[in-house]
PDBML (XML) file of the C-alpha atoms, coordinates in Angstrom:
<?xml version="1.0" encoding="UTF-8" ?>
<PDBx:datablock datablockName="MODEL"
   xmlns:PDBx="http://pdbml.pdb.org/schema/pdbx-v50.xsd"
   xmlns:xsi="http://www.w3.org/2001/XMLSchema-instance"
   xsi:schemaLocation="http://pdbml.pdb.org/schema/pdbx-v50.xsd pdbx-v50.xsd">
   <PDBx:atom_siteCategory>
      <PDBx:atom_site id="1">
         <PDBx:B_iso_or_equiv>0.00</PDBx:B_iso_or_equiv>
         <PDBx:Cartn_x>-0.297</PDBx:Cartn_x>
         <PDBx:Cartn_y>0.390</PDBx:Cartn_y>
         <PDBx:Cartn_z>0.058</PDBx:Cartn_z>
         <PDBx:auth_asym_id>A</PDBx:auth_asym_id>
         <PDBx:auth_atom_id>CA</PDBx:auth_atom_id>
         <PDBx:auth_comp_id>UNK</PDBx:auth_comp_id>
         <PDBx:auth_seq_id>1</PDBx:auth_seq_id>
         <PDBx:group_PDB>ATOM</PDBx:group_PDB>
         <PDBx:label_alt_id xsi:nil="true" />
         <PDBx:label_asym_id>A</PDBx:label_asym_id>
         <PDBx:label_atom_id>CA</PDBx:label_atom_id>
         <PDBx:label_comp_id>UNK</PDBx:label_comp_id>
         <PDBx:label_entity_id>1</PDBx:label_entity_id>
         <PDBx:label_seq_id>1</PDBx:label_seq_id>
         <PDBx:occupancy>1.00</PDBx:occupancy>
         <PDBx:pdbx_PDB_model_num>1</PDBx:pdbx_PDB_model_num>
         <PDBx:type_symbol>C</PDBx:type_symbol>
      </PDBx:atom_site>
      <PDBx:atom_site id="2">
         <PDBx:B_iso_or_equiv>0.00</PDBx:B_iso_or_equiv>
         <PDBx:Cartn_x>2.741</PDBx:Cartn_x>
         <PDBx:Cartn_y>2.368</PDBx:Cartn_y>
         <PDBx:Cartn_z>0.417</PDBx:Cartn_z>
         <PDBx:auth_asym_id>A</PDBx:auth_asym_id>
         <PDBx:auth_atom_id>CA</PDBx:auth_atom_id>
         <PDBx:auth_comp_id>UNK</PDBx:auth_comp_id>
         <PDBx:auth_seq_id>2</PDBx:auth_seq_id>
         <PDBx:group_PDB>ATOM</PDBx:group_PDB>
         <PDBx:label_alt_id xsi:nil="true" />
         <PDBx:label_asym_id>A</PDBx:label_asym_id>
         <PDBx:label_atom_id>CA</PDBx:label_atom_id>
         <PDBx:label_comp_id>UNK</PDBx:label_comp_id>
         <PDBx:label_entity_id>1</PDBx:label_entity_id>
         <PDBx:label_seq_id>2</PDBx:label_seq_id>
         <PDBx:occupancy>1.00</PDBx:occupancy>
         <PDBx:pdbx_PDB_model_num>1</PDBx:pdbx_PDB_model_num>
         <PDBx:type_symbol>C</PDBx:type_symbol>
      </PDBx:atom_site>
      <PDBx:atom_site id="3">
         <PDBx:B_iso_or_equiv>0.00</PDBx:B_iso_or_equiv>
         <PDBx:Cartn_x>3.703</PDBx:Cartn_x>
         <PDBx:Cartn_y>3.347</PDBx:Cartn_y>
         <PDBx:Cartn_z>-2.837</PDBx:Cartn_z>
         <PDBx:auth_asym_id>A</PDBx:auth_asym_id>
         <PDBx:auth_atom_id>CA</PDBx:auth_atom_id>
         <PDBx:auth_comp_id>UNK</PDBx:auth_comp_id>
         <PDBx:auth_seq_id>3</PDBx:auth_seq_id>
         <PDBx:group_PDB>ATOM</PDBx:group_PDB>
         <PDBx:label_alt_id xsi:nil="true" />
         <PDBx:label_asym_id>A</PDBx:label_asym_id>
         <PDBx:label_atom_id>CA</PDBx:label_atom_id>
         <PDBx:label_comp_id>UNK</PDBx:label_comp_id>
         <PDBx:label_entity_id>1</PDBx:label_entity_id>
         <PDBx:label_seq_id>3</PDBx:label_seq_id>
         <PDBx:occupancy>1.00</PDBx:occupancy>
         <PDBx:pdbx_PDB_model_num>1</PDBx:pdbx_PDB_model_num>
         <PDBx:type_symbol>C</PDBx:type_symbol>
      </PDBx:atom_site>
      <PDBx:atom_site id="4">
         <PDBx:B_iso_or_equiv>0.00</PDBx:B_iso_or_equiv>
         <PDBx:Cartn_x>0.066</PDBx:Cartn_x>
         <PDBx:Cartn_y>3.561</PDBx:Cartn_y>
         <PDBx:Cartn_z>-4.066</PDBx:Cartn_z>
         <PDBx:auth_asym_id>A</PDBx:auth_asym_id>
         <PDBx:auth_atom_id>CA</PDBx:auth_atom_id>
         <PDBx:auth_comp_id>UNK</PDBx:auth_comp_id>
         <PDBx:auth_seq_id>4</PDBx:auth_seq_id>
         <PDBx:group_PDB>ATOM</PDBx:group_PDB>
         <PDBx:label_alt_id xsi:nil="true" />
         <PDBx:label_asym_id>A</PDBx:label_asym_id>
         <PDBx:label_atom_id>CA</PDBx:label_atom_id>
         <PDBx:label_comp_id>UNK</PDBx:label_comp_id>
         <PDBx:label_entity_id>1</PDBx:label_entity_id>
         <PDBx:label_seq_id>4</PDBx:label_seq_id>
         <PDBx:occupancy>1.00</PDBx:occupancy>
         <PDBx:pdbx_PDB_model_num>1</PDBx:pdbx_PDB_model_num>
         <PDBx:type_symbol>C</PDBx:type_symbol>
      </PDBx:atom_site>
      <PDBx:atom_site id="5">
         <PDBx:B_iso_or_equiv>0.00</PDBx:B_iso_or_equiv>
         <PDBx:Cartn_x>-0.316</PDBx:Cartn_x>
         <PDBx:Cartn_y>6.002</PDBx:Cartn_y>
         <PDBx:Cartn_z>-0.805</PDBx:Cartn_z>
         <PDBx:auth_asym_id>A</PDBx:auth_asym_id>
         <PDBx:auth_atom_id>CA</PDBx:auth_atom_id>
         <PDBx:auth_comp_id>UNK</PDBx:auth_comp_id>
         <PDBx:auth_seq_id>5</PDBx:auth_seq_id>
         <PDBx:group_PDB>ATOM</PDBx:group_PDB>
         <PDBx:label_alt_id xsi:nil="true" />
         <PDBx:label_asym_id>A</PDBx:label_asym_id>
         <PDBx:label_atom_id>CA</PDBx:label_atom_id>
         <PDBx:label_comp_id>UNK</PDBx:label_comp_id>
         <PDBx:label_entity_id>1</PDBx:label_entity_id>
         <PDBx:label_seq_id>5</PDBx:label_seq_id>
         <PDBx:occupancy>1.00</PDBx:occupancy>
         <PDBx:pdbx_PDB_model_num>1</PDBx:pdbx_PDB_model_num>
         <PDBx:type_symbol>C</PDBx:type_symbol>
      </PDBx:atom_site>
      <PDBx:atom_site id="6">
         <PDBx:B_iso_or_equiv>0.00</PDBx:B_iso_or_equiv>
         <PDBx:Cartn_x>2.792</PDBx:Cartn_x>
         <PDBx:Cartn_y>8.034</PDBx:Cartn_y>
         <PDBx:Cartn_z>-1.927</PDBx:Cartn_z>
         <PDBx:auth_asym_id>A</PDBx:auth_asym_id>
         <PDBx:auth_atom_id>CA</PDBx:auth_atom_id>
         <PDBx:auth_comp_id>UNK</PDBx:auth_comp_id>
         <PDBx:auth_seq_id>6</PDBx:auth_seq_id>
         <PDBx:group_PDB>ATOM</PDBx:group_PDB>
         <PDBx:label_alt_id xsi:nil="true" />
         <PDBx:label_asym_id>A</PDBx:label_asym_id>
         <PDBx:label_atom_id>CA</PDBx:label_atom_id>
         <PDBx:label_comp_id>UNK</PDBx:label_comp_id>
         <PDBx:label_entity_id>1</PDBx:label_entity_id>
         <PDBx:label_seq_id>6</PDBx:label_seq_id>
         <PDBx:occupancy>1.00</PDBx:occupancy>
         <PDBx:pdbx_PDB_model_num>1</PDBx:pdbx_PDB_model_num>
         <PDBx:type_symbol>C</PDBx:type_symbol>
      </PDBx:atom_site>
      <PDBx:atom_site id="7">
         <PDBx:B_iso_or_equiv>0.00</PDBx:B_iso_or_equiv>
         <PDBx:Cartn_x>1.484</PDBx:Cartn_x>
         <PDBx:Cartn_y>8.271</PDBx:Cartn_y>
         <PDBx:Cartn_z>-5.641</PDBx:Cartn_z>
         <PDBx:auth_asym_id>A</PDBx:auth_asym_id>
         <PDBx:auth_atom_id>CA</PDBx:auth_atom_id>
         <PDBx:auth_comp_id>UNK</PDBx:auth_comp_id>
         <PDBx:auth_seq_id>7</PDBx:auth_seq_id>
         <PDBx:group_PDB>ATOM</PDBx:group_PDB>
         <PDBx:label_alt_id xsi:nil="true" />
         <PDBx:label_asym_id>A</PDBx:label_asym_id>
         <PDBx:label_atom_id>CA</PDBx:label_atom_id>
         <PDBx:label_comp_id>UNK</PDBx:label_comp_id>
         <PDBx:label_entity_id>1</PDBx:label_entity_id>
         <PDBx:label_seq_id>7</PDBx:label_seq_id>
         <PDBx:occupancy>1.00</PDBx:occupancy>
         <PDBx:pdbx_PDB_model_num>1</PDBx:pdbx_PDB_model_num>
         <PDBx:type_symbol>C</PDBx:type_symbol>
      </PDBx:atom_site>
      <PDBx:atom_site id="8">
         <PDBx:B_iso_or_equiv>0.00</PDBx:B_iso_or_equiv>
         <PDBx:Cartn_x>-1.813</PDBx:Cartn_x>
         <PDBx:Cartn_y>9.357</PDBx:Cartn_y>
         <PDBx:Cartn_z>-4.245</PDBx:Cartn_z>
         <PDBx:auth_asym_id>A</PDBx:auth_asym_id>
         <PDBx:auth_atom_id>CA</PDBx:auth_atom_id>
         <PDBx:auth_comp_id>UNK</PDBx:auth_comp_id>
         <PDBx:auth_seq_id>8</PDBx:auth_seq_id>
         <PDBx:group_PDB>ATOM</PDBx:group_PDB>
         <PDBx:label_alt_id xsi:nil="true" />
         <PDBx:label_asym_id>A</PDBx:label_asym_id>
         <PDBx:label_atom_id>CA</PDBx:label_atom_id>
         <PDBx:label_comp_id>UNK</PDBx:label_comp_id>
         <PDBx:label_entity_id>1</PDBx:label_entity_id>
         <PDBx:label_seq_id>8</PDBx:label_seq_id>
         <PDBx:occupancy>1.00</PDBx:occupancy>
         <PDBx:pdbx_PDB_model_num>1</PDBx:pdbx_PDB_model_num>
         <PDBx:type_symbol>C</PDBx:type_symbol>
      </PDBx:atom_site>
      <PDBx:atom_site id="9">
         <PDBx:B_iso_or_equiv>0.00</PDBx:B_iso_or_equiv>
         <PDBx:Cartn_x>-1.019</PDBx:Cartn_x>
         <PDBx:Cartn_y>12.013</PDBx:Cartn_y>
         <PDBx:Cartn_z>-1.815</PDBx:Cartn_z>
         <PDBx:auth_asym_id>A</PDBx:auth_asym_id>
         <PDBx:auth_atom_id>CA</PDBx:auth_atom_id>
         <PDBx:auth_comp_id>UNK</PDBx:auth_comp_id>
         <PDBx:auth_seq_id>9</PDBx:auth_seq_id>
         <PDBx:group_PDB>ATOM</PDBx:group_PDB>
         <PDBx:label_alt_id xsi:nil="true" />
         <PDBx:label_asym_id>A</PDBx:label_asym_id>
         <PDBx:label_atom_id>CA</PDBx:label_atom_id>
         <PDBx:label_comp_id>UNK</PDBx:label_comp_id>
         <PDBx:label_entity_id>1</PDBx:label_entity_id>
         <PDBx:label_seq_id>9</PDBx:label_seq_id>
         <PDBx:occupancy>1.00</PDBx:occupancy>
         <PDBx:pdbx_PDB_model_num>1</PDBx:pdbx_PDB_model_num>
         <PDBx:type_symbol>C</PDBx:type_symbol>
      </PDBx:atom_site>
      <PDBx:atom_site id="10">
         <PDBx:B_iso_or_equiv>0.00</PDBx:B_iso_or_equiv>
         <PDBx:Cartn_x>1.639</PDBx:Cartn_x>
         <PDBx:Cartn_y>13.325</PDBx:Cartn_y>
         <PDBx:Cartn_z>-3.886</PDBx:Cartn_z>
         <PDBx:auth_asym_id>A</PDBx:auth_asym_id>
         <PDBx:auth_atom_id>CA</PDBx:auth_atom_id>
         <PDBx:auth_comp_id>UNK</PDBx:auth_comp_id>
         <PDBx:auth_seq_id>10</PDBx:auth_seq_id>
         <PDBx:group_PDB>ATOM</PDBx:group_PDB>
         <PDBx:label_alt_id xsi:nil="true" />
         <PDBx:label_asym_id>A</PDBx:label_asym_id>
         <PDBx:label_atom_id>CA</PDBx:label_atom_id>
         <PDBx:label_comp_id>UNK</PDBx:label_comp_id>
         <PDBx:label_entity_id>1</PDBx:label_entity_id>
         <PDBx:label_seq_id>10</PDBx:label_seq_id>
         <PDBx:occupancy>1.00</PDBx:occupancy>
         <PDBx:pdbx_PDB_model_num>1</PDBx:pdbx_PDB_model_num>
         <PDBx:type_symbol>C</PDBx:type_symbol>
      </PDBx:atom_site>
      <PDBx:atom_site id="11">
         <PDBx:B_iso_or_equiv>0.00</PDBx:B_iso_or_equiv>
         <PDBx:Cartn_x>-0.736</PDBx:Cartn_x>
         <PDBx:Cartn_y>14.184</PDBx:Cartn_y>
         <PDBx:Cartn_z>-6.568</PDBx:Cartn_z>
         <PDBx:auth_asym_id>A</PDBx:auth_asym_id>
         <PDBx:auth_atom_id>CA</PDBx:auth_atom_id>
         <PDBx:auth_comp_id>UNK</PDBx:auth_comp_id>
         <PDBx:auth_seq_id>11</PDBx:auth_seq_id>
         <PDBx:group_PDB>ATOM</PDBx:group_PDB>
         <PDBx:label_alt_id xsi:nil="true" />
         <PDBx:label_asym_id>A</PDBx:label_asym_id>
         <PDBx:label_atom_id>CA</PDBx:label_atom_id>
         <PDBx:label_comp_id>UNK</PDBx:label_comp_id>
         <PDBx:label_entity_id>1</PDBx:label_entity_id>
         <PDBx:label_seq_id>11</PDBx:label_seq_id>
         <PDBx:occupancy>1.00</PDBx:occupancy>
         <PDBx:pdbx_PDB_model_num>1</PDBx:pdbx_PDB_model_num>
         <PDBx:type_symbol>C</PDBx:type_symbol>
      </PDBx:atom_site>
      <PDBx:atom_site id="12">
         <PDBx:B_iso_or_equiv>0.00</PDBx:B_iso_or_equiv>
         <PDBx:Cartn_x>-3.110</PDBx:Cartn_x>
         <PDBx:Cartn_y>16.745</PDBx:Cartn_y>
         <PDBx:Cartn_z>-4.271</PDBx:Cartn_z>
         <PDBx:auth_asym_id>A</PDBx:auth_asym_id>
         <PDBx:auth_atom_id>CA</PDBx:auth_atom_id>
         <PDBx:auth_comp_id>UNK</PDBx:auth_comp_id>
         <PDBx:auth_seq_id>12</PDBx:auth_seq_id>
         <PDBx:group_PDB>ATOM</PDBx:group_PDB>
         <PDBx:label_alt_id xsi:nil="true" />
         <PDBx:label_asym_id>A</PDBx:label_asym_id>
         <PDBx:label_atom_id>CA</PDBx:label_atom_id>
         <PDBx:label_comp_id>UNK</PDBx:label_comp_id>
         <PDBx:label_entity_id>1</PDBx:label_entity_id>
         <PDBx:label_seq_id>12</PDBx:label_seq_id>
         <PDBx:occupancy>1.00</PDBx:occupancy>
         <PDBx:pdbx_PDB_model_num>1</PDBx:pdbx_PDB_model_num>
         <PDBx:type_symbol>C</PDBx:type_symbol>
      </PDBx:atom_site>
      <PDBx:atom_site id="13">
         <PDBx:B_iso_or_equiv>0.00</PDBx:B_iso_or_equiv>
         <PDBx:Cartn_x>-5.289</PDBx:Cartn_x>
         <PDBx:Cartn_y>14.016</PDBx:Cartn_y>
         <PDBx:Cartn_z>-2.612</PDBx:Cartn_z>
         <PDBx:auth_asym_id>A</PDBx:auth_asym_id>
         <PDBx:auth_atom_id>CA</PDBx:auth_atom_id>
         <PDBx:auth_comp_id>UNK</PDBx:auth_comp_id>
         <PDBx:auth_seq_id>13</PDBx:auth_seq_id>
         <PDBx:group_PDB>ATOM</PDBx:group_PDB>
         <PDBx:label_alt_id xsi:nil="true" />
         <PDBx:label_asym_id>A</PDBx:label_asym_id>
         <PDBx:label_atom_id>CA</PDBx:label_atom_id>
         <PDBx:label_comp_id>UNK</PDBx:label_comp_id>
         <PDBx:label_entity_id>1</PDBx:label_entity_id>
         <PDBx:label_seq_id>13</PDBx:label_seq_id>
         <PDBx:occupancy>1.00</PDBx:occupancy>
         <PDBx:pdbx_PDB_model_num>1</PDBx:pdbx_PDB_model_num>
         <PDBx:type_symbol>C</PDBx:type_symbol>
      </PDBx:atom_site>
      <PDBx:atom_site id="14">
         <PDBx:B_iso_or_equiv>0.00</PDBx:B_iso_or_equiv>
         <PDBx:Cartn_x>-5.873</PDBx:Cartn_x>
         <PDBx:Cartn_y>13.799</PDBx:Cartn_y>
         <PDBx:Cartn_z>0.968</PDBx:Cartn_z>
         <PDBx:auth_asym_id>A</PDBx:auth_asym_id>
         <PDBx:auth_atom_id>CA</PDBx:auth_atom_id>
         <PDBx:auth_comp_id>UNK</PDBx:auth_comp_id>
         <PDBx:auth_seq_id>14</PDBx:auth_seq_id>
         <PDBx:group_PDB>ATOM</PDBx:group_PDB>
         <PDBx:label_alt_id xsi:nil="true" />
         <PDBx:label_asym_id>A</PDBx:label_asym_id>
         <PDBx:label_atom_id>CA</PDBx:label_atom_id>
         <PDBx:label_comp_id>UNK</PDBx:label_comp_id>
         <PDBx:label_entity_id>1</PDBx:label_entity_id>
         <PDBx:label_seq_id>14</PDBx:label_seq_id>
         <PDBx:occupancy>1.00</PDBx:occupancy>
         <PDBx:pdbx_PDB_model_num>1</PDBx:pdbx_PDB_model_num>
         <PDBx:type_symbol>C</PDBx:type_symbol>
      </PDBx:atom_site>
      <PDBx:atom_site id="15">
         <PDBx:B_iso_or_equiv>0.00</PDBx:B_iso_or_equiv>
         <PDBx:Cartn_x>-6.173</PDBx:Cartn_x>
         <PDBx:Cartn_y>10.759</PDBx:Cartn_y>
         <PDBx:Cartn_z>3.200</PDBx:Cartn_z>
         <PDBx:auth_asym_id>A</PDBx:auth_asym_id>
         <PDBx:auth_atom_id>CA</PDBx:auth_atom_id>
         <PDBx:auth_comp_id>UNK</PDBx:auth_comp_id>
         <PDBx:auth_seq_id>15</PDBx:auth_seq_id>
         <PDBx:group_PDB>ATOM</PDBx:group_PDB>
         <PDBx:label_alt_id xsi:nil="true" />
         <PDBx:label_asym_id>A</PDBx:label_asym_id>
         <PDBx:label_atom_id>CA</PDBx:label_atom_id>
         <PDBx:label_comp_id>UNK</PDBx:label_comp_id>
         <PDBx:label_entity_id>1</PDBx:label_entity_id>
         <PDBx:label_seq_id>15</PDBx:label_seq_id>
         <PDBx:occupancy>1.00</PDBx:occupancy>
         <PDBx:pdbx_PDB_model_num>1</PDBx:pdbx_PDB_model_num>
         <PDBx:type_symbol>C</PDBx:type_symbol>
      </PDBx:atom_site>
      <PDBx:atom_site id="16">
         <PDBx:B_iso_or_equiv>0.00</PDBx:B_iso_or_equiv>
         <PDBx:Cartn_x>-7.437</PDBx:Cartn_x>
         <PDBx:Cartn_y>10.195</PDBx:Cartn_y>
         <PDBx:Cartn_z>6.888</PDBx:Cartn_z>
         <PDBx:auth_asym_id>A</PDBx:auth_asym_id>
         <PDBx:auth_atom_id>CA</PDBx:auth_atom_id>
         <PDBx:auth_comp_id>UNK</PDBx:auth_comp_id>
         <PDBx:auth_seq_id>16</PDBx:auth_seq_id>
         <PDBx:group_PDB>ATOM</PDBx:group_PDB>
         <PDBx:label_alt_id xsi:nil="true" />
         <PDBx:label_asym_id>A</PDBx:label_asym_id>
         <PDBx:label_atom_id>CA</PDBx:label_atom_id>
         <PDBx:label_comp_id>UNK</PDBx:label_comp_id>
         <PDBx:label_entity_id>1</PDBx:label_entity_id>
         <PDBx:label_seq_id>16</PDBx:label_seq_id>
         <PDBx:occupancy>1.00</PDBx:occupancy>
         <PDBx:pdbx_PDB_model_num>1</PDBx:pdbx_PDB_model_num>
         <PDBx:type_symbol>C</PDBx:type_symbol>
      </PDBx:atom_site>
      <PDBx:atom_site id="17">
         <PDBx:B_iso_or_equiv>0.00</PDBx:B_iso_or_equiv>
         <PDBx:Cartn_x>-6.734</PDBx:Cartn_x>
         <PDBx:Cartn_y>6.455</PDBx:Cartn_y>
         <PDBx:Cartn_z>8.198</PDBx:Cartn_z>
         <PDBx:auth_asym_id>A</PDBx:auth_asym_id>
         <PDBx:auth_atom_id>CA</PDBx:auth_atom_id>
         <PDBx:auth_comp_id>UNK</PDBx:auth_comp_id>
         <PDBx:auth_seq_id>17</PDBx:auth_seq_id>
         <PDBx:group_PDB>ATOM</PDBx:group_PDB>
         <PDBx:label_alt_id xsi:nil="true" />
         <PDBx:label_asym_id>A</PDBx:label_asym_id>
         <PDBx:label_atom_id>CA</PDBx:label_atom_id>
         <PDBx:label_comp_id>UNK</PDBx:label_comp_id>
         <PDBx:label_entity_id>1</PDBx:label_entity_id>
         <PDBx:label_seq_id>17</PDBx:label_seq_id>
         <PDBx:occupancy>1.00</PDBx:occupancy>
         <PDBx:pdbx_PDB_model_num>1</PDBx:pdbx_PDB_model_num>
         <PDBx:type_symbol>C</PDBx:type_symbol>
      </PDBx:atom_site>
      <PDBx:atom_site id="18">
         <PDBx:B_iso_or_equiv>0.00</PDBx:B_iso_or_equiv>
         <PDBx:Cartn_x>-8.729</PDBx:Cartn_x>
         <PDBx:Cartn_y>5.277</PDBx:Cartn_y>
         <PDBx:Cartn_z>11.884</PDBx:Cartn_z>
         <PDBx:auth_asym_id>A</PDBx:auth_asym_id>
         <PDBx:auth_atom_id>CA</PDBx:auth_atom_id>
         <PDBx:auth_comp_id>UNK</PDBx:auth_comp_id>
         <PDBx:auth_seq_id>18</PDBx:auth_seq_id>
         <PDBx:group_PDB>ATOM</PDBx:group_PDB>
         <PDBx:label_alt_id xsi:nil="true" />
         <PDBx:label_asym_id>A</PDBx:label_asym_id>
         <PDBx:label_atom_id>CA</PDBx:label_atom_id>
         <PDBx:label_comp_id>UNK</PDBx:label_comp_id>
         <PDBx:label_entity_id>1</PDBx:label_entity_id>
         <PDBx:label_seq_id>18</PDBx:label_seq_id>
         <PDBx:occupancy>1.00</PDBx:occupancy>
         <PDBx:pdbx_PDB_model_num>1</PDBx:pdbx_PDB_model_num>
         <PDBx:type_symbol>C</PDBx:type_symbol>
      </PDBx:atom_site>
      <PDBx:atom_site id="19">
         <PDBx:B_iso_or_equiv>0.00</PDBx:B_iso_or_equiv>
         <PDBx:Cartn_x>-6.969</PDBx:Cartn_x>
         <PDBx:Cartn_y>1.710</PDBx:Cartn_y>
         <PDBx:Cartn_z>13.132</PDBx:Cartn_z>
         <PDBx:auth_asym_id>A</PDBx:auth_asym_id>
         <PDBx:auth_atom_id>CA</PDBx:auth_atom_id>
         <PDBx:auth_comp_id>UNK</PDBx:auth_comp_id>
         <PDBx:auth_seq_id>19</PDBx:auth_seq_id>
         <PDBx:group_PDB>ATOM</PDBx:group_PDB>
         <PDBx:label_alt_id xsi:nil="true" />
         <PDBx:label_asym_id>A</PDBx:label_asym_id>
         <PDBx:label_atom_id>CA</PDBx:label_atom_id>
         <PDBx:label_comp_id>UNK</PDBx:label_comp_id>
         <PDBx:label_entity_id>1</PDBx:label_entity_id>
         <PDBx:label_seq_id>19</PDBx:label_seq_id>
         <PDBx:occupancy>1.00</PDBx:occupancy>
         <PDBx:pdbx_PDB_model_num>1</PDBx:pdbx_PDB_model_num>
         <PDBx:type_symbol>C</PDBx:type_symbol>
      </PDBx:atom_site>
      <PDBx:atom_site id="20">
         <PDBx:B_iso_or_equiv>0.00</PDBx:B_iso_or_equiv>
         <PDBx:Cartn_x>-7.638</PDBx:Cartn_x>
         <PDBx:Cartn_y>0.662</PDBx:Cartn_y>
         <PDBx:Cartn_z>16.453</PDBx:Cartn_z>
         <PDBx:auth_asym_id>A</PDBx:auth_asym_id>
         <PDBx:auth_atom_id>CA</PDBx:auth_atom_id>
         <PDBx:auth_comp_id>UNK</PDBx:auth_comp_id>
         <PDBx:auth_seq_id>20</PDBx:auth_seq_id>
         <PDBx:group_PDB>ATOM</PDBx:group_PDB>
         <PDBx:label_alt_id xsi:nil="true" />
         <PDBx:label_asym_id>A</PDBx:label_asym_id>
         <PDBx:label_atom_id>CA</PDBx:label_atom_id>
         <PDBx:label_comp_id>UNK</PDBx:label_comp_id>
         <PDBx:label_entity_id>1</PDBx:label_entity_id>
         <PDBx:label_seq_id>20</PDBx:label_seq_id>
         <PDBx:occupancy>1.00</PDBx:occupancy>
         <PDBx:pdbx_PDB_model_num>1</PDBx:pdbx_PDB_model_num>
         <PDBx:type_symbol>C</PDBx:type_symbol>
      </PDBx:atom_site>
      <PDBx:atom_site id="21">
         <PDBx:B_iso_or_equiv>0.00</PDBx:B_iso_or_equiv>
         <PDBx:Cartn_x>-5.744</PDBx:Cartn_x>
         <PDBx:Cartn_y>1.317</PDBx:Cartn_y>
         <PDBx:Cartn_z>19.874</PDBx:Cartn_z>
         <PDBx:auth_asym_id>A</PDBx:auth_asym_id>
         <PDBx:auth_atom_id>CA</PDBx:auth_atom_id>
         <PDBx:auth_comp_id>UNK</PDBx:auth_comp_id>
         <PDBx:auth_seq_id>21</PDBx:auth_seq_id>
         <PDBx:group_PDB>ATOM</PDBx:group_PDB>
         <PDBx:label_alt_id xsi:nil="true" />
         <PDBx:label_asym_id>A</PDBx:label_asym_id>
         <PDBx:label_atom_id>CA</PDBx:label_atom_id>
         <PDBx:label_comp_id>UNK</PDBx:label_comp_id>
         <PDBx:label_entity_id>1</PDBx:label_entity_id>
         <PDBx:label_seq_id>21</PDBx:label_seq_id>
         <PDBx:occupancy>1.00</PDBx:occupancy>
         <PDBx:pdbx_PDB_model_num>1</PDBx:pdbx_PDB_model_num>
         <PDBx:type_symbol>C</PDBx:type_symbol>
      </PDBx:atom_site>
      <PDBx:atom_site id="22">
         <PDBx:B_iso_or_equiv>0.00</PDBx:B_iso_or_equiv>
         <PDBx:Cartn_x>-3.539</PDBx:Cartn_x>
         <PDBx:Cartn_y>-2.151</PDBx:Cartn_y>
         <PDBx:Cartn_z>19.289</PDBx:Cartn_z>
         <PDBx:auth_asym_id>A</PDBx:auth_asym_id>
         <PDBx:auth_atom_id>CA</PDBx:auth_atom_id>
         <PDBx:auth_comp_id>UNK</PDBx:auth_comp_id>
         <PDBx:auth_seq_id>22</PDBx:auth_seq_id>
         <PDBx:group_PDB>ATOM</PDBx:group_PDB>
         <PDBx:label_alt_id xsi:nil="true" />
         <PDBx:label_asym_id>A</PDBx:label_asym_id>
         <PDBx:label_atom_id>CA</PDBx:label_atom_id>
         <PDBx:label_comp_id>UNK</PDBx:label_comp_id>
         <PDBx:label_entity_id>1</PDBx:label_entity_id>
         <PDBx:label_seq_id>22</PDBx:label_seq_id>
         <PDBx:occupancy>1.00</PDBx:occupancy>
         <PDBx:pdbx_PDB_model_num>1</PDBx:pdbx_PDB_model_num>
         <PDBx:type_symbol>C</PDBx:type_symbol>
      </PDBx:atom_site>
      <PDBx:atom_site id="23">
         <PDBx:B_iso_or_equiv>0.00</PDBx:B_iso_or_equiv>
         <PDBx:Cartn_x>-2.461</PDBx:Cartn_x>
         <PDBx:Cartn_y>-0.982</PDBx:Cartn_y>
         <PDBx:Cartn_z>16.073</PDBx:Cartn_z>
         <PDBx:auth_asym_id>A</PDBx:auth_asym_id>
         <PDBx:auth_atom_id>CA</PDBx:auth_atom_id>
         <PDBx:auth_comp_id>UNK</PDBx:auth_comp_id>
         <PDBx:auth_seq_id>23</PDBx:auth_seq_id>
         <PDBx:group_PDB>ATOM</PDBx:group_PDB>
         <PDBx:label_alt_id xsi:nil="true" />
         <PDBx:label_asym_id>A</PDBx:label_asym_id>
         <PDBx:label_atom_id>CA</PDBx:label_atom_id>
         <PDBx:label_comp_id>UNK</PDBx:label_comp_id>
         <PDBx:label_entity_id>1</PDBx:label_entity_id>
         <PDBx:label_seq_id>23</PDBx:label_seq_id>
         <PDBx:occupancy>1.00</PDBx:occupancy>
         <PDBx:pdbx_PDB_model_num>1</PDBx:pdbx_PDB_model_num>
         <PDBx:type_symbol>C</PDBx:type_symbol>
      </PDBx:atom_site>
      <PDBx:atom_site id="24">
         <PDBx:B_iso_or_equiv>0.00</PDBx:B_iso_or_equiv>
         <PDBx:Cartn_x>0.082</PDBx:Cartn_x>
         <PDBx:Cartn_y>1.430</PDBx:Cartn_y>
         <PDBx:Cartn_z>18.131</PDBx:Cartn_z>
         <PDBx:auth_asym_id>A</PDBx:auth_asym_id>
         <PDBx:auth_atom_id>CA</PDBx:auth_atom_id>
         <PDBx:auth_comp_id>UNK</PDBx:auth_comp_id>
         <PDBx:auth_seq_id>24</PDBx:auth_seq_id>
         <PDBx:group_PDB>ATOM</PDBx:group_PDB>
         <PDBx:label_alt_id xsi:nil="true" />
         <PDBx:label_asym_id>A</PDBx:label_asym_id>
         <PDBx:label_atom_id>CA</PDBx:label_atom_id>
         <PDBx:label_comp_id>UNK</PDBx:label_comp_id>
         <PDBx:label_entity_id>1</PDBx:label_entity_id>
         <PDBx:label_seq_id>24</PDBx:label_seq_id>
         <PDBx:occupancy>1.00</PDBx:occupancy>
         <PDBx:pdbx_PDB_model_num>1</PDBx:pdbx_PDB_model_num>
         <PDBx:type_symbol>C</PDBx:type_symbol>
      </PDBx:atom_site>
      <PDBx:atom_site id="25">
         <PDBx:B_iso_or_equiv>0.00</PDBx:B_iso_or_equiv>
         <PDBx:Cartn_x>1.752</PDBx:Cartn_x>
         <PDBx:Cartn_y>-1.785</PDBx:Cartn_y>
         <PDBx:Cartn_z>19.379</PDBx:Cartn_z>
         <PDBx:auth_asym_id>A</PDBx:auth_asym_id>
         <PDBx:auth_atom_id>CA</PDBx:auth_atom_id>
         <PDBx:auth_comp_id>UNK</PDBx:auth_comp_id>
         <PDBx:auth_seq_id>25</PDBx:auth_seq_id>
         <PDBx:group_PDB>ATOM</PDBx:group_PDB>
         <PDBx:label_alt_id xsi:nil="true" />
         <PDBx:label_asym_id>A</PDBx:label_asym_id>
         <PDBx:label_atom_id>CA</PDBx:label_atom_id>
         <PDBx:label_comp_id>UNK</PDBx:label_comp_id>
         <PDBx:label_entity_id>1</PDBx:label_entity_id>
         <PDBx:label_seq_id>25</PDBx:label_seq_id>
         <PDBx:occupancy>1.00</PDBx:occupancy>
         <PDBx:pdbx_PDB_model_num>1</PDBx:pdbx_PDB_model_num>
         <PDBx:type_symbol>C</PDBx:type_symbol>
      </PDBx:atom_site>
   </PDBx:atom_siteCategory>
</PDBx:datablock>
């Protein structure tokens, strides 16, 4: 997913993501 996200944000698209607290570990 990382490269896709980089290209999309680089094209001026804003992105927000919600994970669960358990992802912090």
